[in-house]
C-alpha atoms as a PDB file:
ATOM      1  CA  UNK A   1      84.380 -45.566  87.639  1.00  0.00           C
ATOM      2  CA  UNK A   2      84.568 -49.217  86.616  1.00  0.00           C
ATOM      3  CA  UNK A   3      86.432 -51.996  88.409  1.00  0.00           C
ATOM      4  CA  UNK A   4      87.719 -54.461  85.826  1.00  0.00           C
ATOM      5  CA  UNK A   5      89.354 -57.812  86.596  1.00  0.00           C
ATOM      6  CA  UNK A   6      91.595 -59.612  84.102  1.00  0.00           C
ATOM      7  CA  UNK A   7      92.162 -63.287  84.890  1.00  0.00           C
ATOM      8  CA  UNK A   8      95.479 -64.779  83.841  1.00  0.00           C
ATOM      9  CA  UNK A   9      98.817 -63.069  83.284  1.00  0.00           C
ATOM     10  CA  UNK A  10      99.993 -64.777  80.133  1.00  0.00           C
ATOM     11  CA  UNK A  11     100.561 -62.993  76.842  1.00  0.00           C
ATOM     12  CA  UNK A  12      96.825 -62.309  76.472  1.00  0.00           C
ATOM     13  CA  UNK A  13      96.088 -61.205  80.030  1.00  0.00           C
ATOM     14  CA  UNK A  14      99.028 -58.833  80.349  1.00  0.00           C
ATOM     15  CA  UNK A  15      98.277 -57.323  76.922  1.00  0.00           C
ATOM     16  CA  UNK A  16      94.597 -56.842  77.787  1.00  0.00           C
ATOM     17  CA  UNK A  17      95.438 -55.197  81.124  1.00  0.00           C
ATOM     18  CA  UNK A  18      97.886 -52.791  79.415  1.00  0.00           C
ATOM     19  CA  UNK A  19      95.433 -51.953  76.627  1.00  0.00           C
ATOM     20  CA  UNK A  20      92.512 -51.393  79.000  1.00  0.00           C
ATOM     21  CA  UNK A  21      94.581 -49.072  81.182  1.00  0.00           C
ATOM     22  CA  UNK A  22      95.788 -47.138  78.136  1.00  0.00           C
ATOM     23  CA  UNK A  23      92.266 -46.767  76.703  1.00  0.00           C
ATOM     24  CA  UNK A  24      90.370 -46.138  79.955  1.00  0.00           C
ATOM     25  CA  UNK A  25      92.922 -44.124  81.894  1.00  0.00           C
ATOM     26  CA  UNK A  26      93.069 -43.375  85.602  1.00  0.00           C
ATOM     27  CA  UNK A  27      89.333 -43.097  86.188  1.00  0.00           C
ATOM     28  CA  UNK A  28      88.942 -46.874  86.030  1.00  0.00           C
ATOM     29  CA  UNK A  29      90.556 -49.605  88.132  1.00  0.00           C
ATOM     30  CA  UNK A  30      92.175 -52.552  86.347  1.00  0.00           C
ATOM     31  CA  UNK A  31      93.290 -55.559  88.391  1.00  0.00           C
ATOM     32  CA  UNK A  32      95.298 -58.480  86.977  1.00  0.00           C
ATOM     33  CA  UNK A  33      94.969 -61.815  88.784  1.00  0.00           C
ATOM     34  CA  UNK A  34      97.464 -64.617  88.260  1.00  0.00           C
ATOM     35  CA  UNK A  35      98.545 -67.745  90.061  1.00  0.00           C
ATOM     36  CA  UNK A  36     102.171 -66.767  89.360  1.00  0.00           C
ATOM     37  CA  UNK A  37     104.287 -63.780  90.406  1.00  0.00           C
ATOM     38  CA  UNK A  38     105.994 -63.621  87.043  1.00  0.00           C
ATOM     39  CA  UNK A  39     105.356 -63.550  83.312  1.00  0.00           C
ATOM     40  CA  UNK A  40     107.269 -66.093  81.259  1.00  0.00           C
ATOM     41  CA  UNK A  41     107.565 -65.770  77.493  1.00  0.00           C
ATOM     42  CA  UNK A  42     106.505 -69.357  76.780  1.00  0.00           C
ATOM     43  CA  UNK A  43     107.645 -69.486  73.124  1.00  0.00           C
ATOM     44  CA  UNK A  44     111.203 -69.102  74.426  1.00  0.00           C
ATOM     45  CA  UNK A  45     111.070 -72.221  76.633  1.00  0.00           C
ATOM     46  CA  UNK A  46     112.899 -74.353  74.017  1.00  0.00           C
ATOM     47  CA  UNK A  47     115.790 -71.856  74.097  1.00  0.00           C
ATOM     48  CA  UNK A  48     116.157 -72.466  77.835  1.00  0.00           C
ATOM     49  CA  UNK A  49     115.959 -76.216  77.255  1.00  0.00           C
ATOM     50  CA  UNK A  50     118.862 -76.212  74.815  1.00  0.00           C
ATOM     51  CA  UNK A  51     120.914 -73.702  76.782  1.00  0.00           C
ATOM     52  CA  UNK A  52     120.579 -70.691  74.459  1.00  0.00           C
ATOM     53  CA  UNK A  53     118.913 -68.614  77.199  1.00  0.00           C
ATOM     54  CA  UNK A  54     118.593 -68.743  80.965  1.00  0.00           C
ATOM     55  CA  UNK A  55     115.207 -68.713  82.691  1.00  0.00           C
ATOM     56  CA  UNK A  56     115.879 -65.202  84.016  1.00  0.00           C
ATOM     57  CA  UNK A  57     116.192 -64.023  80.402  1.00  0.00           C
ATOM     58  CA  UNK A  58     112.601 -64.976  79.552  1.00  0.00           C
ATOM     59  CA  UNK A  59     110.776 -64.063  82.788  1.00  0.00           C
ATOM     60  CA  UNK A  60     109.626 -60.755  84.236  1.00  0.00           C
ATOM     61  CA  UNK A  61     108.391 -60.002  87.759  1.00  0.00           C
ATOM     62  CA  UNK A  62     104.835 -58.754  87.327  1.00  0.00           C
ATOM     63  CA  UNK A  63     104.328 -56.706  90.504  1.00  0.00           C
ATOM     64  CA  UNK A  64     106.735 -53.861  89.622  1.00  0.00           C
ATOM     65  CA  UNK A  65     105.532 -53.763  86.004  1.00  0.00           C
ATOM     66  CA  UNK A  66     101.886 -53.504  87.026  1.00  0.00           C
ATOM     67  CA  UNK A  67     102.645 -50.926  89.728  1.00  0.00           C
ATOM     68  CA  UNK A  68     104.430 -48.717  87.203  1.00  0.00           C
ATOM     69  CA  UNK A  69     101.340 -48.796  84.948  1.00  0.00           C
ATOM     70  CA  UNK A  70      98.937 -48.355  87.885  1.00  0.00           C
ATOM     71  CA  UNK A  71      97.366 -51.764  87.363  1.00  0.00           C
ATOM     72  CA  UNK A  72      96.452 -53.738  90.472  1.00  0.00           C
ATOM     73  CA  UNK A  73      98.043 -57.162  90.742  1.00  0.00           C
ATOM     74  CA  UNK A  74      97.218 -60.278  92.767  1.00  0.00           C
ATOM     75  CA  UNK A  75      99.457 -63.336  92.480  1.00  0.00           C
ATOM     76  CA  UNK A  76      97.269 -65.580  94.590  1.00  0.00           C
ATOM     77  CA  UNK A  77      95.226 -67.034  91.737  1.00  0.00           C
ATOM     78  CA  UNK A  78      91.470 -67.203  91.302  1.00  0.00           C
ATOM     79  CA  UNK A  79      89.493 -69.980  92.949  1.00  0.00           C
ATOM     80  CA  UNK A  80      85.971 -69.126  91.809  1.00  0.00           C
ATOM     81  CA  UNK A  81      84.014 -66.522  89.891  1.00  0.00           C
ATOM     82  CA  UNK A  82      80.572 -65.511  91.155  1.00  0.00           C
ATOM     83  CA  UNK A  83      79.014 -63.528  88.293  1.00  0.00           C
ATOM     84  CA  UNK A  84      75.733 -62.896  90.106  1.00  0.00           C
ATOM     85  CA  UNK A  85      77.663 -61.057  92.844  1.00  0.00           C
ATOM     86  CA  UNK A  86      80.354 -59.600  90.536  1.00  0.00           C
ATOM     87  CA  UNK A  87      83.064 -61.154  92.676  1.00  0.00           C
ATOM     88  CA  UNK A  88      86.173 -63.257  92.109  1.00  0.00           C
ATOM     89  CA  UNK A  89      87.235 -65.367  95.068  1.00  0.00           C
ATOM     90  CA  UNK A  90      91.003 -65.730  95.318  1.00  0.00           C
ATOM     91  CA  UNK A  91      92.714 -68.937  96.425  1.00  0.00           C
ATOM     92  CA  UNK A  92      93.373 -67.408  99.853  1.00  0.00           C
ATOM     93  CA  UNK A  93      89.674 -66.599 100.377  1.00  0.00           C
ATOM     94  CA  UNK A  94      89.835 -62.859  99.670  1.00  0.00           C
ATOM     95  CA  UNK A  95      87.179 -61.400  97.385  1.00  0.00           C
ATOM     96  CA  UNK A  96      87.837 -59.036  94.483  1.00  0.00           C
ATOM     97  CA  UNK A  97      84.832 -57.159  93.149  1.00  0.00           C
ATOM     98  CA  UNK A  98      84.252 -55.993  89.607  1.00  0.00           C
ATOM     99  CA  UNK A  99      81.508 -54.270  87.642  1.00  0.00           C
END
Protein backbone atom coordinates (compact mmCIF):
# COMPACT_ATOMS: atom_id res chain seq x y z
CA UNK A 1 0.00 0.00 0.00
CA UNK A 2 1.32 3.43 -0.97
CA UNK A 3 0.68 6.71 0.83
CA UNK A 4 0.56 9.50 -1.74
CA UNK A 5 0.39 13.22 -0.95
CA UNK A 6 -0.88 15.78 -3.46
CA UNK A 7 0.06 19.37 -2.62
CA UNK A 8 -2.35 22.08 -3.71
CA UNK A 9 -6.08 21.86 -4.36
CA UNK A 10 -6.39 23.91 -7.51
CA UNK A 11 -7.55 22.53 -10.84
CA UNK A 12 -4.39 20.41 -11.15
CA UNK A 13 -4.25 19.08 -7.59
CA UNK A 14 -7.90 18.08 -7.37
CA UNK A 15 -7.73 16.42 -10.81
CA UNK A 16 -4.58 14.50 -9.87
CA UNK A 17 -6.09 13.31 -6.58
CA UNK A 18 -9.26 12.10 -8.38
CA UNK A 19 -7.28 10.36 -11.13
CA UNK A 20 -4.89 8.66 -8.71
CA UNK A 21 -7.77 7.35 -6.60
CA UNK A 22 -9.58 6.09 -9.71
CA UNK A 23 -6.46 4.34 -11.07
CA UNK A 24 -5.06 2.98 -7.79
CA UNK A 25 -8.26 2.15 -5.94
CA UNK A 26 -8.78 1.50 -2.25
CA UNK A 27 -5.49 -0.26 -1.59
CA UNK A 28 -3.61 3.04 -1.68
CA UNK A 29 -4.04 6.18 0.43
CA UNK A 30 -4.30 9.54 -1.34
CA UNK A 31 -4.16 12.73 0.73
CA UNK A 32 -4.79 16.22 -0.67
CA UNK A 33 -3.20 19.13 1.19
CA UNK A 34 -4.34 22.70 0.66
CA UNK A 35 -4.12 25.99 2.49
CA UNK A 36 -7.82 26.55 1.70
CA UNK A 37 -10.98 24.66 2.66
CA UNK A 38 -12.52 25.22 -0.74
CA UNK A 39 -11.87 24.93 -4.46
CA UNK A 40 -12.55 28.04 -6.51
CA UNK A 41 -12.86 27.88 -10.29
CA UNK A 42 -10.43 30.75 -10.92
CA UNK A 43 -11.33 31.35 -14.60
CA UNK A 44 -14.77 32.42 -13.37
CA UNK A 45 -13.46 35.20 -11.11
CA UNK A 46 -14.21 37.91 -13.73
CA UNK A 47 -17.86 36.78 -13.75
CA UNK A 48 -18.05 37.47 -10.01
CA UNK A 49 -16.34 40.82 -10.53
CA UNK A 50 -18.94 42.00 -13.03
CA UNK A 51 -21.88 40.52 -11.14
CA UNK A 52 -22.72 37.64 -13.50
CA UNK A 53 -22.10 35.05 -10.76
CA UNK A 54 -21.85 35.01 -6.99
CA UNK A 55 -18.80 33.61 -5.20
CA UNK A 56 -20.86 30.66 -3.94
CA UNK A 57 -21.53 29.73 -7.58
CA UNK A 58 -17.84 29.17 -8.34
CA UNK A 59 -16.62 27.58 -5.09
CA UNK A 60 -16.93 24.08 -3.67
CA UNK A 61 -16.19 22.87 -0.13
CA UNK A 62 -13.42 20.30 -0.51
CA UNK A 63 -13.86 18.20 2.64
CA UNK A 64 -17.18 16.56 1.66
CA UNK A 65 -16.03 16.02 -1.93
CA UNK A 66 -12.82 14.31 -0.84
CA UNK A 67 -14.62 12.23 1.80
CA UNK A 68 -17.08 10.94 -0.79
CA UNK A 69 -14.16 9.79 -2.98
CA UNK A 70 -12.21 8.40 0.00
CA UNK A 71 -9.39 10.90 -0.44
CA UNK A 72 -7.84 12.31 2.72
CA UNK A 73 -7.93 16.09 3.01
CA UNK A 74 -5.97 18.60 5.10
CA UNK A 75 -6.79 22.30 4.82
CA UNK A 76 -3.94 23.46 7.01
CA UNK A 77 -1.41 23.99 4.22
CA UNK A 78 2.11 22.64 3.87
CA UNK A 79 4.99 24.37 5.60
CA UNK A 80 7.90 22.19 4.51
CA UNK A 81 8.69 19.03 2.60
CA UNK A 82 11.41 16.71 3.91
CA UNK A 83 12.11 14.29 1.05
CA UNK A 84 14.81 12.38 2.92
CA UNK A 85 12.24 11.45 5.59
CA UNK A 86 9.25 11.21 3.20
CA UNK A 87 7.34 13.71 5.31
CA UNK A 88 5.35 16.89 4.72
CA UNK A 89 5.15 19.23 7.69
CA UNK A 90 1.84 21.07 7.87
CA UNK A 91 1.54 24.69 8.99
CA UNK A 92 0.23 23.53 12.38
CA UNK A 93 3.28 21.30 12.97
CA UNK A 94 1.65 17.95 12.19
CA UNK A 95 3.55 15.56 9.94
CA UNK A 96 2.07 13.68 6.99
CA UNK A 97 4.10 10.76 5.69
CA UNK A 98 4.25 9.48 2.14
CA UNK A 99 6.12 6.82 0.20
